[in-house]
Amino acid sequence: MQNNILLPLQEVGRIAKSYPELVEGMVNLGIQSYTVDVATGTTLYRLADGGLALKDGHGDARAIGAAFNNDATLQAVKDTQAGKTTYPEFMDAIAAAGVRFYESTLIGKPRVTYIGTGGYYEEEIPV
């Protein structure tokens, strides 16, 4: 595990003004994709050199809705993109919508895929 990437990643997150800027910073650090476990907030980063970095989640585990709800997921995504919710509020909303984890692919065709029991929603990242 290459957890030495986490400190520079924290700095990128601090200065990024938008998700596309955050993505650009992550790519510059060599991050190709990452997966977030919605219940725990634990994130696994995959690096260009084949390495991995794991960032533990914090706080109590979120309850995940029993079945994936596409409309509720889409609304949560739109709300966070519009700045109506904080990241923790976004995570609570997608958990309630049945999203178990999401995968952000940062190279090739950048996209985020929200995955739950019985469905998924995918959206391109505008970079």
C-alpha atoms as a PDB file:
ATOM      1  CA  MET A   1       0.000   0.000   0.000  1.00  0.00           C
ATOM      2  CA  GLN A   2       1.251   3.437  -0.918  1.00  0.00           C
ATOM      3  CA  ASN A   3      -0.388   5.586   1.719  1.00  0.00           C
ATOM      4  CA  ASN A   4       2.291   8.254   1.156  1.00  0.00           C
ATOM      5  CA  ILE A   5       0.015   9.647  -1.586  1.00  0.00           C
ATOM      6  CA  LEU A   6      -2.622  10.618   0.997  1.00  0.00           C
ATOM      7  CA  LEU A   7      -0.920  13.798   2.252  1.00  0.00           C
ATOM      8  CA  PRO A   8      -0.482  15.315  -1.239  1.00  0.00           C
ATOM      9  CA  LEU A   9      -4.041  14.197  -2.029  1.00  0.00           C
ATOM     10  CA  GLN A  10      -5.316  16.028   1.048  1.00  0.00           C
ATOM     11  CA  GLU A  11      -3.624  19.206  -0.229  1.00  0.00           C
ATOM     12  CA  VAL A  12      -5.186  18.775  -3.681  1.00  0.00           C
ATOM     13  CA  GLY A  13      -8.593  18.407  -2.008  1.00  0.00           C
ATOM     14  CA  ARG A  14      -8.022  21.529   0.058  1.00  0.00           C
ATOM     15  CA  ILE A  15      -7.228  23.789  -2.931  1.00  0.00           C
ATOM     16  CA  ALA A  16      -9.607  22.343  -5.566  1.00  0.00           C
ATOM     17  CA  LYS A  17     -12.604  24.598  -6.187  1.00  0.00           C
ATOM     18  CA  SER A  18     -14.652  21.972  -8.050  1.00  0.00           C
ATOM     19  CA  TYR A  19     -14.819  18.234  -8.602  1.00  0.00           C
ATOM     20  CA  PRO A  20     -13.247  18.538 -12.081  1.00  0.00           C
ATOM     21  CA  GLU A  21     -10.317  20.434 -10.485  1.00  0.00           C
ATOM     22  CA  LEU A  22     -10.023  17.717  -7.850  1.00  0.00           C
ATOM     23  CA  VAL A  23      -9.962  15.070 -10.588  1.00  0.00           C
ATOM     24  CA  GLU A  24      -7.233  16.946 -12.453  1.00  0.00           C
ATOM     25  CA  GLY A  25      -5.156  17.126  -9.270  1.00  0.00           C
ATOM     26  CA  MET A  26      -5.639  13.417  -8.578  1.00  0.00           C
ATOM     27  CA  VAL A  27      -4.579  12.503 -12.116  1.00  0.00           C
ATOM     28  CA  ASN A  28      -1.477  14.683 -11.696  1.00  0.00           C
ATOM     29  CA  LEU A  29      -0.649  12.657  -8.566  1.00  0.00           C
ATOM     30  CA  GLY A  30      -0.908   9.421 -10.579  1.00  0.00           C
ATOM     31  CA  ILE A  31      -4.348   8.313  -9.359  1.00  0.00           C
ATOM     32  CA  GLN A  32      -6.236   6.488 -12.111  1.00  0.00           C
ATOM     33  CA  SER A  33      -9.371   5.492 -10.222  1.00  0.00           C
ATOM     34  CA  TYR A  34     -10.836   5.163  -6.772  1.00  0.00           C
ATOM     35  CA  THR A  35     -13.693   3.367  -5.052  1.00  0.00           C
ATOM     36  CA  VAL A  36     -15.608   4.710  -2.053  1.00  0.00           C
ATOM     37  CA  ASP A  37     -17.511   2.397   0.287  1.00  0.00           C
ATOM     38  CA  VAL A  38     -20.557   4.531   1.119  1.00  0.00           C
ATOM     39  CA  ALA A  39     -21.326   2.825   4.440  1.00  0.00           C
ATOM     40  CA  THR A  40     -17.883   3.452   5.933  1.00  0.00           C
ATOM     41  CA  GLY A  41     -16.417   6.209   3.762  1.00  0.00           C
ATOM     42  CA  THR A  42     -13.308   4.081   3.220  1.00  0.00           C
ATOM     43  CA  THR A  43     -11.631   4.882  -0.094  1.00  0.00           C
ATOM     44  CA  LEU A  44      -9.282   2.714  -2.179  1.00  0.00           C
ATOM     45  CA  TYR A  45      -7.123   4.634  -4.668  1.00  0.00           C
ATOM     46  CA  ARG A  46      -5.500   2.878  -7.651  1.00  0.00           C
ATOM     47  CA  LEU A  47      -2.282   4.433  -8.922  1.00  0.00           C
ATOM     48  CA  ALA A  48      -0.721   4.522 -12.383  1.00  0.00           C
ATOM     49  CA  ASP A  49       2.305   2.544 -11.154  1.00  0.00           C
ATOM     50  CA  GLY A  50       0.051  -0.302 -10.006  1.00  0.00           C
ATOM     51  CA  GLY A  51       0.155   0.740  -6.364  1.00  0.00           C
ATOM     52  CA  LEU A  52      -2.789   1.157  -4.038  1.00  0.00           C
ATOM     53  CA  ALA A  53      -3.564   3.614  -1.259  1.00  0.00           C
ATOM     54  CA  LEU A  54      -6.259   3.123   1.356  1.00  0.00           C
ATOM     55  CA  LYS A  55      -7.905   5.967   3.250  1.00  0.00           C
ATOM     56  CA  ASP A  56      -9.961   4.782   6.214  1.00  0.00           C
ATOM     57  CA  GLY A  57     -13.406   6.274   6.702  1.00  0.00           C
ATOM     58  CA  HIS A  58     -14.418   8.039   9.879  1.00  0.00           C
ATOM     59  CA  GLY A  59     -17.485   8.070  12.086  1.00  0.00           C
ATOM     60  CA  ASP A  60     -20.416   5.749  12.373  1.00  0.00           C
ATOM     61  CA  ALA A  61     -21.319   3.498   9.458  1.00  0.00           C
ATOM     62  CA  ARG A  62     -24.211   4.695   7.292  1.00  0.00           C
ATOM     63  CA  ALA A  63     -27.212   2.460   6.711  1.00  0.00           C
ATOM     64  CA  ILE A  64     -27.621   1.659   3.020  1.00  0.00           C
ATOM     65  CA  GLY A  65     -31.088   1.570   1.453  1.00  0.00           C
ATOM     66  CA  ALA A  66     -32.262  -1.935   0.604  1.00  0.00           C
ATOM     67  CA  ALA A  67     -32.615  -1.317  -3.150  1.00  0.00           C
ATOM     68  CA  PHE A  68     -31.015   1.100  -5.584  1.00  0.00           C
ATOM     69  CA  ASN A  69     -33.192   4.151  -6.348  1.00  0.00           C
ATOM     70  CA  ASN A  70     -32.058   5.835  -9.578  1.00  0.00           C
ATOM     71  CA  ASP A  71     -34.158   8.999  -9.143  1.00  0.00           C
ATOM     72  CA  ALA A  72     -32.941   9.600  -5.573  1.00  0.00           C
ATOM     73  CA  THR A  73     -29.328   8.971  -6.634  1.00  0.00           C
ATOM     74  CA  LEU A  74     -29.604  11.414  -9.522  1.00  0.00           C
ATOM     75  CA  GLN A  75     -31.143  14.048  -7.221  1.00  0.00           C
ATOM     76  CA  ALA A  76     -28.320  13.618  -4.682  1.00  0.00           C
ATOM     77  CA  VAL A  77     -25.725  14.034  -7.452  1.00  0.00           C
ATOM     78  CA  LYS A  78     -27.469  17.148  -8.816  1.00  0.00           C
ATOM     79  CA  ASP A  79     -27.768  18.663  -5.329  1.00  0.00           C
ATOM     80  CA  THR A  80     -24.081  18.222  -4.549  1.00  0.00           C
ATOM     81  CA  GLN A  81     -23.038  19.522  -7.984  1.00  0.00           C
ATOM     82  CA  ALA A  82     -25.156  22.626  -7.369  1.00  0.00           C
ATOM     83  CA  GLY A  83     -23.492  23.181  -3.988  1.00  0.00           C
ATOM     84  CA  LYS A  84     -26.719  22.522  -2.074  1.00  0.00           C
ATOM     85  CA  THR A  85     -25.189  19.783   0.078  1.00  0.00           C
ATOM     86  CA  THR A  86     -21.934  19.083   1.858  1.00  0.00           C
ATOM     87  CA  TYR A  87     -19.998  15.899   1.113  1.00  0.00           C
ATOM     88  CA  PRO A  88     -21.305  14.170   4.276  1.00  0.00           C
ATOM     89  CA  GLU A  89     -24.886  15.145   3.322  1.00  0.00           C
ATOM     90  CA  PHE A  90     -24.266  13.810  -0.195  1.00  0.00           C
ATOM     91  CA  MET A  91     -22.982  10.535   1.240  1.00  0.00           C
ATOM     92  CA  ASP A  92     -26.065  10.252   3.490  1.00  0.00           C
ATOM     93  CA  ALA A  93     -28.350  10.903   0.506  1.00  0.00           C
ATOM     94  CA  ILE A  94     -26.759   8.309  -1.765  1.00  0.00           C
ATOM     95  CA  ALA A  95     -26.745   5.796   1.101  1.00  0.00           C
ATOM     96  CA  ALA A  96     -30.491   6.335   1.557  1.00  0.00           C
ATOM     97  CA  ALA A  97     -30.847   5.879  -2.220  1.00  0.00           C
ATOM     98  CA  GLY A  98     -29.308   2.415  -1.942  1.00  0.00           C
ATOM     99  CA  VAL A  99     -25.808   3.204  -3.271  1.00  0.00           C
ATOM    100  CA  ARG A 100     -23.382   0.710  -1.708  1.00  0.00           C
ATOM    101  CA  PHE A 101     -20.247   2.154  -3.341  1.00  0.00           C
ATOM    102  CA  TYR A 102     -19.155   4.401  -6.140  1.00  0.00           C
ATOM    103  CA  GLU A 103     -16.283   4.066  -8.564  1.00  0.00           C
ATOM    104  CA  SER A 104     -14.570   7.079 -10.115  1.00  0.00           C
ATOM    105  CA  THR A 105     -12.559   6.321 -13.244  1.00  0.00           C
ATOM    106  CA  LEU A 106     -10.258   9.266 -13.933  1.00  0.00           C
ATOM    107  CA  ILE A 107      -8.463   8.218 -17.127  1.00  0.00           C
ATOM    108  CA  GLY A 108      -9.771   7.401 -20.585  1.00  0.00           C
ATOM    109  CA  LYS A 109     -13.427   8.341 -20.361  1.00  0.00           C
ATOM    110  CA  PRO A 110     -13.631   9.951 -16.887  1.00  0.00           C
ATOM    111  CA  ARG A 111     -16.824   8.905 -15.129  1.00  0.00           C
ATOM    112  CA  VAL A 112     -18.426   8.078 -11.803  1.00  0.00           C
ATOM    113  CA  THR A 113     -20.562   4.979 -11.403  1.00  0.00           C
ATOM    114  CA  TYR A 114     -22.882   4.728  -8.380  1.00  0.00           C
ATOM    115  CA  ILE A 115     -23.697   1.072  -7.676  1.00  0.00           C
ATOM    116  CA  GLY A 116     -26.336  -0.486  -5.457  1.00  0.00           C
ATOM    117  CA  THR A 117     -28.399  -3.627  -5.185  1.00  0.00           C
ATOM    118  CA  GLY A 118     -30.452  -3.905  -8.369  1.00  0.00           C
ATOM    119  CA  GLY A 119     -29.038  -0.977 -10.317  1.00  0.00           C
ATOM    120  CA  TYR A 120     -26.485   1.710 -11.006  1.00  0.00           C
ATOM    121  CA  TYR A 121     -26.169   5.249 -12.348  1.00  0.00           C
ATOM    122  CA  GLU A 122     -23.196   6.443 -14.381  1.00  0.00           C
ATOM    123  CA  GLU A 123     -22.201   9.999 -15.211  1.00  0.00           C
ATOM    124  CA  GLU A 124     -19.265  11.450 -17.133  1.00  0.00           C
ATOM    125  CA  ILE A 125     -16.892  13.778 -15.285  1.00  0.00           C
ATOM    126  CA  PRO A 126     -16.640  17.084 -17.180  1.00  0.00           C
ATOM    127  CA  VAL A 127     -12.866  17.568 -17.315  1.00  0.00           C
END
